[in-house]
Amino acid sequence: MKIYDELVARGLIAQVTDEEEIKELINNGNATFYIGFDPTADSLHVGHFMALSLMKRLQMAGNKPVALLGGGTGMIGDPSGRTDMRSMMTPETIQHNIDCLKKQMERFIEFGEDKAIMVNNADWLLKLNYIELLREVGTCFSVNNMLRAECYKNRMEKGLSFLEFNYMIMQSYDFYYLFQHYGCNMQFGGDDQWSNMLGGTELIRRKLGKDAYAMTITLLMNSEGNKMGKTAKGAVWLDPNKTSPFEFFQYWRNVDDADVLKCIRMLTFLPLEQIDKMDKWEGSQLNEAKEILAYELTKLVHGEEEAQKAMNASHALFAGGTDDSDMPTTEIETEQLTNGAISISDLLVVCGLTASKSEGRRLVQQGGVFVNDTKVESIDHKITLEQLKNSVKIRKGKKTYHKALMK
C-alpha cells in the first residue's frame, strides 16, 4: 500500500486541494512539505502529536519535512477555532517556547542534511516593511473572502481585531516564502487551518504563476464531537514535566470504547492489517486495545522504558497493589491548609482532578471520590496535615489516580 492510500485508510486526511497531484507527489517521495507550530506554550501537546506523526510517516516514505516554528506569527496569534483573543506574548517568552519545542521535535523527526529542516518565520516576517508588504501581496487577498473564512467565524461573534485579521496574510506569506527559498510545494495542517492554507496556494499562484498544494489532517475528536487531548488540568502535554508518562498512559488507557480503534488507527504506527483484526473486538478485548493504544503512544513520546513503567504502575494500581512510585503527585504547601487540614473539594482542585470546588463536591455526592481506597462520604471531608505527611492516594471514579503529600 502506498503512503497516500495508507493515510486515507487511517482516516488522517480531511481535505486536499488537488488529490491526484498530491497523491503522486507523496507516493513518489517528491513532496517538500511544511507544517507550522506556533510557540503558544513551552511544550507541544496531543493536538500537535498528529502533525508530528504525519511528518514522520511522510519522511519514512521519502518526502522532506519542513518544521516551521512561528516566531513571527506567534507575535500575532492564530484566531482559528477560538472565541477569544490569545494573550500577547513577549519576544522573550516566544523565544523560550521555541527553544523548548525544538528539543521535543528532534525526538520525532530526523533533522539534518538532505533530511528534515527546521525554520523560524521570524527570520523573514520580522524584516517585512508594512507598506512594501501591502504593495506586494495586498491585492492578492479579498477582504470579502477573508471574512467568510472558517478560521474567523468564531472570532467574528465577539469581535475580530485587526491584529488577528492579519494572521491569514502572514501564514500565506510563509508558504510563499518557503516555496521560493526552500522549494516547499505542499502545506499540511489541522482542518481548522484550511482557509489559511488556501490563502497560501492562491498567493503562490497569483504571484508566481505556479501550483502549490494543501492537505488538512483530520482533527482528533471523540465520539461526542469534542476535541481530544484535554483533562481537568488542561492539555495533555508531551513534556513529561507537565504531563507525566503515567498520566499520559492513563489518558489513553481511559478513552471511551467508541474511540479506541479510531485512535489506534490514526495515531499509532501499528500495521493496518493488525488494526483491522481489532475492528471486531468487543467487551474485555476493548480494554486490551486501550492498553495497546496507551503503551504504543507512551513509547513513541517517552520511550519504551517509561511506557513499560507506566503500564506496570497501572497494572499494580488496578490490581489493588501498593506501588505508587510512578503515580502523578502534587505537593501541598503549608499555606494551602486551614487549621492543619484541607477540604476534599480544595484538594481535588489543587491536584487538577476537578476544574472547580463545585465539581468536586458533585463528584463526592455521586460517590466518585476515594481517599486511600475508602469512599469519601461527605463534602465536608478533610485531609489532615498528618495524613499528607505520609501521602494520600486519591482516586477519582474507577480509573484516575493521584497522590498528594506535603512539600
Foldseek 3Di string as FASTA:
>chain_A
DFLVVLCVVLQWFDDKDDVVVVSVCLSQLNAEEEEEDELLDLFAFPQCLLVLVVLLSSLVSNHEYEYEYELPLNQQAQQQPHLDGRDGDDSVSRVNSVVSHVVQSVLRAPDDVSHYYYYYLCVPNVPDDVVVLCVLCVVLDDPVLLCVQNRCVSNVVVHDDPSNSCSLVSLLVVLLVCCVPPVHQEYEEAPSCVVSRVSNQSSCCVNPVDGGMYIYTYFCAAPVGHGPQAALLGGHGLDCVSPNLLNQLLSLLPGDLRCLLSLCSSRAPPDPVVSVVCPPDDDVVSSVSSNVSSLRVSCSRPNNVSSVVSVVCQVCVLVVHDPCVRAAEDADEPVCDDPFKHFQLSVCCSQSNHNHSVVRQVQLCVQFKDKQNHTRNHSRDIDGLVDQQVWIWMGGHNRHIYIYHHD
